[in-house]
Amino acid sequence: MEGVFAFNTTALQALWALGLGYLLGSIPFGYLITRTAGLGDIRGMGSGNIGATNVLRTGKRHLAALTLLLDALKATLAVVLASHLFGAQAGLLAGFTAFIGHLFPVWLGFKGGKGVATYIGVLLGIAPATVLVFALVWLTVAKLSRYSSLSALVATLVIPVALWIMGQPQMSLVLAVMTVISWWRHKANIERLISRTESRIGEKKQAE
């Protein structure tokens, strides 16, 4: 297993990949889409989040779906571009900073989304098969619990383990860090899950 964690990308290439990933990830599609649609600032609605779940609270499902798609694909694009320019390891770095950029976009005072869609977008770029694992876990937990947040939390917990089993320790480590950050961003959801006040799928969202 010698060299499993070896990193061959040069320092300059790594910096370019990190910057590229962050800039793409920090594009606040939820904010831009709702503003363009004349719905105002999404940060003043619902949870104040710029992600697809909060966009859905506007009642515009097509805008929420578009936000979800674009938030995922911006991370995929970061991975693909950096991989093409500098190699697969740089692509992994770019995927990580795309995730960070979505959570902490400089354009919005570093207040962004919770990162689930962008997390999936990173998976699509670095290990497409794991998107199916994520979807299967999400759907299974959602069917059993009817909690969307719990489904995402469990799915992000499974992914690093799946990547390790697949013989991808570098990817597993990076995704494990992303999972920890994602759980931290979901701390309010976790508190509501513990207190059993979290809204279930199909129920009206309680006032936050």
C-alpha atoms as a PDB file:
ATOM      1  CA  MET A   1       0.000   0.000   0.000  1.00  0.00           C
ATOM      2  CA  GLU A   2       3.044   2.286  -0.262  1.00  0.00           C
ATOM      3  CA  GLY A   3       2.129   5.567  -1.865  1.00  0.00           C
ATOM      4  CA  VAL A   4      -1.610   5.201  -1.258  1.00  0.00           C
ATOM      5  CA  PHE A   5      -1.736   8.671   0.228  1.00  0.00           C
ATOM      6  CA  ALA A   6       0.985  10.095  -2.038  1.00  0.00           C
ATOM      7  CA  PHE A   7       0.135  13.469  -3.515  1.00  0.00           C
ATOM      8  CA  ASN A   8       1.638  14.211  -6.921  1.00  0.00           C
ATOM      9  CA  THR A   9       0.000  17.556  -7.717  1.00  0.00           C
ATOM     10  CA  THR A  10       2.457  20.466  -7.466  1.00  0.00           C
ATOM     11  CA  ALA A  11       1.855  23.252  -4.967  1.00  0.00           C
ATOM     12  CA  LEU A  12       1.004  25.736  -7.735  1.00  0.00           C
ATOM     13  CA  GLN A  13      -1.423  23.329  -9.367  1.00  0.00           C
ATOM     14  CA  ALA A  14      -3.030  22.664  -6.003  1.00  0.00           C
ATOM     15  CA  LEU A  15      -3.520  26.386  -5.418  1.00  0.00           C
ATOM     16  CA  TRP A  16      -5.114  26.829  -8.821  1.00  0.00           C
ATOM     17  CA  ALA A  17      -7.406  23.866  -8.178  1.00  0.00           C
ATOM     18  CA  LEU A  18      -8.381  25.176  -4.737  1.00  0.00           C
ATOM     19  CA  GLY A  19      -9.174  28.617  -6.142  1.00  0.00           C
ATOM     20  CA  LEU A  20     -11.078  27.269  -9.124  1.00  0.00           C
ATOM     21  CA  GLY A  21     -13.169  25.020  -6.915  1.00  0.00           C
ATOM     22  CA  TYR A  22     -14.001  27.754  -4.442  1.00  0.00           C
ATOM     23  CA  LEU A  23     -15.004  30.278  -7.115  1.00  0.00           C
ATOM     24  CA  LEU A  24     -17.307  27.814  -8.861  1.00  0.00           C
ATOM     25  CA  GLY A  25     -18.741  26.500  -5.612  1.00  0.00           C
ATOM     26  CA  SER A  26     -19.431  29.986  -4.278  1.00  0.00           C
ATOM     27  CA  ILE A  27     -21.843  30.848  -7.112  1.00  0.00           C
ATOM     28  CA  PRO A  28     -25.092  31.278  -5.108  1.00  0.00           C
ATOM     29  CA  PHE A  29     -27.548  29.821  -7.577  1.00  0.00           C
ATOM     30  CA  GLY A  30     -30.461  29.723  -5.122  1.00  0.00           C
ATOM     31  CA  TYR A  31     -30.022  33.421  -4.420  1.00  0.00           C
ATOM     32  CA  LEU A  32     -29.574  34.342  -8.097  1.00  0.00           C
ATOM     33  CA  ILE A  33     -32.469  32.230  -9.352  1.00  0.00           C
ATOM     34  CA  THR A  34     -35.016  33.558  -6.834  1.00  0.00           C
ATOM     35  CA  ARG A  35     -33.915  37.148  -7.370  1.00  0.00           C
ATOM     36  CA  THR A  36     -34.142  36.748 -11.139  1.00  0.00           C
ATOM     37  CA  ALA A  37     -37.629  35.229 -10.759  1.00  0.00           C
ATOM     38  CA  GLY A  38     -38.748  38.301  -8.828  1.00  0.00           C
ATOM     39  CA  LEU A  39     -39.168  36.472  -5.529  1.00  0.00           C
ATOM     40  CA  GLY A  40     -36.833  38.713  -3.557  1.00  0.00           C
ATOM     41  CA  ASP A  41     -33.930  37.670  -1.367  1.00  0.00           C
ATOM     42  CA  ILE A  42     -34.201  33.976  -0.442  1.00  0.00           C
ATOM     43  CA  ARG A  43     -32.147  34.700   2.662  1.00  0.00           C
ATOM     44  CA  GLY A  44     -35.137  36.506   4.125  1.00  0.00           C
ATOM     45  CA  MET A  45     -37.445  33.521   3.678  1.00  0.00           C
ATOM     46  CA  GLY A  46     -37.898  30.293   5.617  1.00  0.00           C
ATOM     47  CA  SER A  47     -34.609  29.124   7.088  1.00  0.00           C
ATOM     48  CA  GLY A  48     -32.636  31.876   5.356  1.00  0.00           C
ATOM     49  CA  ASN A  49     -30.682  29.203   3.496  1.00  0.00           C
ATOM     50  CA  ILE A  50     -29.771  29.602  -0.193  1.00  0.00           C
ATOM     51  CA  GLY A  51     -30.176  25.893  -0.978  1.00  0.00           C
ATOM     52  CA  ALA A  52     -32.866  24.075  -2.932  1.00  0.00           C
ATOM     53  CA  THR A  53     -34.867  23.083   0.163  1.00  0.00           C
ATOM     54  CA  ASN A  54     -35.444  26.702   1.105  1.00  0.00           C
ATOM     55  CA  VAL A  55     -36.135  27.668  -2.515  1.00  0.00           C
ATOM     56  CA  LEU A  56     -38.848  25.002  -2.462  1.00  0.00           C
ATOM     57  CA  ARG A  57     -40.556  26.938   0.336  1.00  0.00           C
ATOM     58  CA  THR A  58     -41.347  29.662  -2.184  1.00  0.00           C
ATOM     59  CA  GLY A  59     -43.759  27.190  -3.769  1.00  0.00           C
ATOM     60  CA  LYS A  60     -41.783  27.154  -7.024  1.00  0.00           C
ATOM     61  CA  ARG A  61     -40.803  23.536  -7.484  1.00  0.00           C
ATOM     62  CA  HIS A  62     -39.145  24.126 -10.852  1.00  0.00           C
ATOM     63  CA  LEU A  63     -36.895  26.775  -9.317  1.00  0.00           C
ATOM     64  CA  ALA A  64     -35.998  24.447  -6.459  1.00  0.00           C
ATOM     65  CA  ALA A  65     -35.177  21.661  -8.934  1.00  0.00           C
ATOM     66  CA  LEU A  66     -33.040  24.038 -10.992  1.00  0.00           C
ATOM     67  CA  THR A  67     -31.216  25.188  -7.864  1.00  0.00           C
ATOM     68  CA  LEU A  68     -30.558  21.585  -6.835  1.00  0.00           C
ATOM     69  CA  LEU A  69     -29.220  20.718 -10.281  1.00  0.00           C
ATOM     70  CA  LEU A  70     -26.959  23.750 -10.599  1.00  0.00           C
ATOM     71  CA  ASP A  71     -25.636  23.477  -7.033  1.00  0.00           C
ATOM     72  CA  ALA A  72     -24.624  19.891  -7.816  1.00  0.00           C
ATOM     73  CA  LEU A  73     -23.199  20.532 -11.269  1.00  0.00           C
ATOM     74  CA  LYS A  74     -21.018  23.463 -10.197  1.00  0.00           C
ATOM     75  CA  ALA A  75     -19.082  21.047  -7.991  1.00  0.00           C
ATOM     76  CA  THR A  76     -18.938  18.432 -10.736  1.00  0.00           C
ATOM     77  CA  LEU A  77     -17.621  21.055 -13.134  1.00  0.00           C
ATOM     78  CA  ALA A  78     -14.941  22.068 -10.636  1.00  0.00           C
ATOM     79  CA  VAL A  79     -13.787  18.454 -10.319  1.00  0.00           C
ATOM     80  CA  VAL A  80     -13.813  17.825 -14.070  1.00  0.00           C
ATOM     81  CA  LEU A  81     -11.977  21.036 -14.988  1.00  0.00           C
ATOM     82  CA  ALA A  82      -9.291  20.686 -12.329  1.00  0.00           C
ATOM     83  CA  SER A  83      -8.814  17.000 -13.174  1.00  0.00           C
ATOM     84  CA  HIS A  84      -8.427  17.825 -16.858  1.00  0.00           C
ATOM     85  CA  LEU A  85      -5.977  20.637 -16.203  1.00  0.00           C
ATOM     86  CA  PHE A  86      -3.912  19.269 -13.328  1.00  0.00           C
ATOM     87  CA  GLY A  87      -4.829  15.637 -12.664  1.00  0.00           C
ATOM     88  CA  ALA A  88      -7.249  13.613 -10.554  1.00  0.00           C
ATOM     89  CA  GLN A  89      -5.828  14.690  -7.201  1.00  0.00           C
ATOM     90  CA  ALA A  90      -6.294  18.343  -8.118  1.00  0.00           C
ATOM     91  CA  GLY A  91      -9.857  17.483  -9.070  1.00  0.00           C
ATOM     92  CA  LEU A  92     -10.434  16.128  -5.585  1.00  0.00           C
ATOM     93  CA  LEU A  93      -9.084  19.355  -4.076  1.00  0.00           C
ATOM     94  CA  ALA A  94     -11.308  21.438  -6.345  1.00  0.00           C
ATOM     95  CA  GLY A  95     -14.342  19.384  -5.360  1.00  0.00           C
ATOM     96  CA  PHE A  96     -13.607  19.993  -1.698  1.00  0.00           C
ATOM     97  CA  THR A  97     -13.287  23.755  -2.091  1.00  0.00           C
ATOM     98  CA  ALA A  98     -16.394  23.859  -4.293  1.00  0.00           C
ATOM     99  CA  PHE A  99     -18.237  22.347  -1.333  1.00  0.00           C
ATOM    100  CA  ILE A 100     -16.666  24.924   0.994  1.00  0.00           C
ATOM    101  CA  GLY A 101     -17.496  27.715  -1.449  1.00  0.00           C
ATOM    102  CA  HIS A 102     -21.159  26.751  -1.432  1.00  0.00           C
ATOM    103  CA  LEU A 103     -21.266  26.769   2.367  1.00  0.00           C
ATOM    104  CA  PHE A 104     -19.282  29.993   2.708  1.00  0.00           C
ATOM    105  CA  PRO A 105     -19.663  32.126  -0.447  1.00  0.00           C
ATOM    106  CA  VAL A 106     -17.635  35.323  -0.291  1.00  0.00           C
ATOM    107  CA  TRP A 107     -20.320  37.137  -2.310  1.00  0.00           C
ATOM    108  CA  LEU A 108     -22.923  36.659   0.443  1.00  0.00           C
ATOM    109  CA  GLY A 109     -20.844  37.367   3.501  1.00  0.00           C
ATOM    110  CA  PHE A 110     -19.787  33.706   3.795  1.00  0.00           C
ATOM    111  CA  LYS A 111     -23.375  32.623   4.559  1.00  0.00           C
ATOM    112  CA  GLY A 112     -24.411  29.879   2.161  1.00  0.00           C
ATOM    113  CA  GLY A 113     -26.213  26.550   2.024  1.00  0.00           C
ATOM    114  CA  LYS A 114     -25.845  23.250   3.836  1.00  0.00           C
ATOM    115  CA  GLY A 115     -24.064  21.538   0.977  1.00  0.00           C
ATOM    116  CA  VAL A 116     -25.988  18.331   0.271  1.00  0.00           C
ATOM    117  CA  ALA A 117     -26.459  19.016  -3.450  1.00  0.00           C
ATOM    118  CA  THR A 118     -22.854  20.155  -3.795  1.00  0.00           C
ATOM    119  CA  TYR A 119     -21.708  17.061  -1.892  1.00  0.00           C
ATOM    120  CA  ILE A 120     -23.521  14.937  -4.470  1.00  0.00           C
ATOM    121  CA  GLY A 121     -21.949  16.973  -7.265  1.00  0.00           C
ATOM    122  CA  VAL A 122     -18.483  16.215  -5.913  1.00  0.00           C
ATOM    123  CA  LEU A 123     -19.336  12.504  -5.854  1.00  0.00           C
ATOM    124  CA  LEU A 124     -20.535  12.701  -9.455  1.00  0.00           C
ATOM    125  CA  GLY A 125     -17.179  14.144 -10.459  1.00  0.00           C
ATOM    126  CA  ILE A 126     -14.820  11.887  -8.495  1.00  0.00           C
ATOM    127  CA  ALA A 127     -16.700   8.580  -8.173  1.00  0.00           C
ATOM    128  CA  PRO A 128     -20.009   8.507 -10.098  1.00  0.00           C
ATOM    129  CA  ALA A 129     -20.994   5.048  -8.811  1.00  0.00           C
ATOM    130  CA  THR A 130     -21.222   6.402  -5.258  1.00  0.00           C
ATOM    131  CA  VAL A 131     -24.056   8.707  -6.312  1.00  0.00           C
ATOM    132  CA  LEU A 132     -26.165   5.562  -6.596  1.00  0.00           C
ATOM    133  CA  VAL A 133     -25.058   4.522  -3.103  1.00  0.00           C
ATOM    134  CA  PHE A 134     -26.010   7.952  -1.781  1.00  0.00           C
ATOM    135  CA  ALA A 135     -29.395   7.807  -3.512  1.00  0.00           C
ATOM    136  CA  LEU A 136     -30.136   4.282  -2.273  1.00  0.00           C
ATOM    137  CA  VAL A 137     -29.300   5.173   1.333  1.00  0.00           C
ATOM    138  CA  TRP A 138     -31.242   8.435   1.142  1.00  0.00           C
ATOM    139  CA  LEU A 139     -34.339   6.761  -0.284  1.00  0.00           C
ATOM    140  CA  THR A 140     -34.208   3.894   2.212  1.00  0.00           C
ATOM    141  CA  VAL A 141     -33.907   6.165   5.246  1.00  0.00           C
ATOM    142  CA  ALA A 142     -36.514   8.546   3.855  1.00  0.00           C
ATOM    143  CA  LYS A 143     -38.968   5.687   3.350  1.00  0.00           C
ATOM    144  CA  LEU A 144     -38.432   4.406   6.882  1.00  0.00           C
ATOM    145  CA  SER A 145     -38.290   7.732   8.729  1.00  0.00           C
ATOM    146  CA  ARG A 146     -39.834  10.333   6.422  1.00  0.00           C
ATOM    147  CA  TYR A 147     -37.101  12.758   7.509  1.00  0.00           C
ATOM    148  CA  SER A 148     -35.262  14.383   4.606  1.00  0.00           C
ATOM    149  CA  SER A 149     -32.516  15.773   6.843  1.00  0.00           C
ATOM    150  CA  LEU A 150     -31.886  12.418   8.525  1.00  0.00           C
ATOM    151  CA  SER A 151     -31.707  10.745   5.124  1.00  0.00           C
ATOM    152  CA  ALA A 152     -29.001  13.163   3.985  1.00  0.00           C
ATOM    153  CA  LEU A 153     -27.073  12.831   7.238  1.00  0.00           C
ATOM    154  CA  VAL A 154     -27.006   9.038   7.071  1.00  0.00           C
ATOM    155  CA  ALA A 155     -26.085   9.062   3.380  1.00  0.00           C
ATOM    156  CA  THR A 156     -23.114  11.358   3.972  1.00  0.00           C
ATOM    157  CA  LEU A 157     -22.015   9.065   6.795  1.00  0.00           C
ATOM    158  CA  VAL A 158     -22.074   5.989   4.545  1.00  0.00           C
ATOM    159  CA  ILE A 159     -20.179   7.521   1.610  1.00  0.00           C
ATOM    160  CA  PRO A 160     -16.676   7.742   3.163  1.00  0.00           C
ATOM    161  CA  VAL A 161     -16.992   4.124   4.305  1.00  0.00           C
ATOM    162  CA  ALA A 162     -18.079   3.062   0.811  1.00  0.00           C
ATOM    163  CA  LEU A 163     -15.129   4.880  -0.767  1.00  0.00           C
ATOM    164  CA  TRP A 164     -12.705   3.224   1.661  1.00  0.00           C
ATOM    165  CA  ILE A 165     -14.137  -0.204   0.836  1.00  0.00           C
ATOM    166  CA  MET A 166     -13.759   0.642  -2.862  1.00  0.00           C
ATOM    167  CA  GLY A 167     -10.038   1.216  -2.298  1.00  0.00           C
ATOM    168  CA  GLN A 168     -10.108   5.010  -2.505  1.00  0.00           C
ATOM    169  CA  PRO A 169      -8.543   6.197   0.796  1.00  0.00           C
ATOM    170  CA  GLN A 170      -7.785   9.742  -0.397  1.00  0.00           C
ATOM    171  CA  MET A 171     -11.353  10.256  -1.540  1.00  0.00           C
ATOM    172  CA  SER A 172     -12.637   8.643   1.642  1.00  0.00           C
ATOM    173  CA  LEU A 173     -10.617  11.028   3.808  1.00  0.00           C
ATOM    174  CA  VAL A 174     -11.750  14.142   1.942  1.00  0.00           C
ATOM    175  CA  LEU A 175     -15.394  13.057   1.948  1.00  0.00           C
ATOM    176  CA  ALA A 176     -15.148  12.227   5.649  1.00  0.00           C
ATOM    177  CA  VAL A 177     -14.087  15.813   6.324  1.00  0.00           C
ATOM    178  CA  MET A 178     -16.965  17.044   4.147  1.00  0.00           C
ATOM    179  CA  THR A 179     -19.340  14.812   6.104  1.00  0.00           C
ATOM    180  CA  VAL A 180     -18.214  16.312   9.410  1.00  0.00           C
ATOM    181  CA  ILE A 181     -18.714  19.821   8.041  1.00  0.00           C
ATOM    182  CA  SER A 182     -22.108  18.890   6.609  1.00  0.00           C
ATOM    183  CA  TRP A 183     -23.227  17.506   9.978  1.00  0.00           C
ATOM    184  CA  TRP A 184     -22.089  20.724  11.637  1.00  0.00           C
ATOM    185  CA  ARG A 185     -24.109  22.754   9.120  1.00  0.00           C
ATOM    186  CA  HIS A 186     -27.111  20.567   9.943  1.00  0.00           C
ATOM    187  CA  LYS A 187     -26.793  21.095  13.701  1.00  0.00           C
ATOM    188  CA  ALA A 188     -30.214  22.796  13.916  1.00  0.00           C
ATOM    189  CA  ASN A 189     -31.801  19.861  12.077  1.00  0.00           C
ATOM    190  CA  ILE A 190     -30.052  17.405  14.393  1.00  0.00           C
ATOM    191  CA  GLU A 191     -31.377  19.265  17.435  1.00  0.00           C
ATOM    192  CA  ARG A 192     -34.904  19.105  16.017  1.00  0.00           C
ATOM    193  CA  LEU A 193     -34.494  15.413  15.194  1.00  0.00           C
ATOM    194  CA  ILE A 194     -33.469  14.734  18.794  1.00  0.00           C
ATOM    195  CA  SER A 195     -36.401  16.746  20.145  1.00  0.00           C
ATOM    196  CA  ARG A 196     -38.715  15.184  17.535  1.00  0.00           C
ATOM    197  CA  THR A 197     -39.774  18.567  16.207  1.00  0.00           C
ATOM    198  CA  GLU A 198     -38.182  18.164  12.766  1.00  0.00           C
ATOM    199  CA  SER A 199     -40.709  18.290   9.935  1.00  0.00           C
ATOM    200  CA  ARG A 200     -41.289  15.050   8.084  1.00  0.00           C
ATOM    201  CA  ILE A 201     -41.495  14.721   4.321  1.00  0.00           C
ATOM    202  CA  GLY A 202     -44.943  15.858   3.226  1.00  0.00           C
ATOM    203  CA  GLU A 203     -45.585  17.952   6.332  1.00  0.00           C
ATOM    204  CA  LYS A 204     -45.608  21.714   6.426  1.00  0.00           C
ATOM    205  CA  LYS A 205     -42.354  23.211   7.627  1.00  0.00           C
ATOM    206  CA  GLN A 206     -42.572  24.530  11.150  1.00  0.00           C
ATOM    207  CA  ALA A 207     -41.673  28.166  11.649  1.00  0.00           C
ATOM    208  CA  GLU A 208     -37.949  28.600  12.220  1.00  0.00           C
END
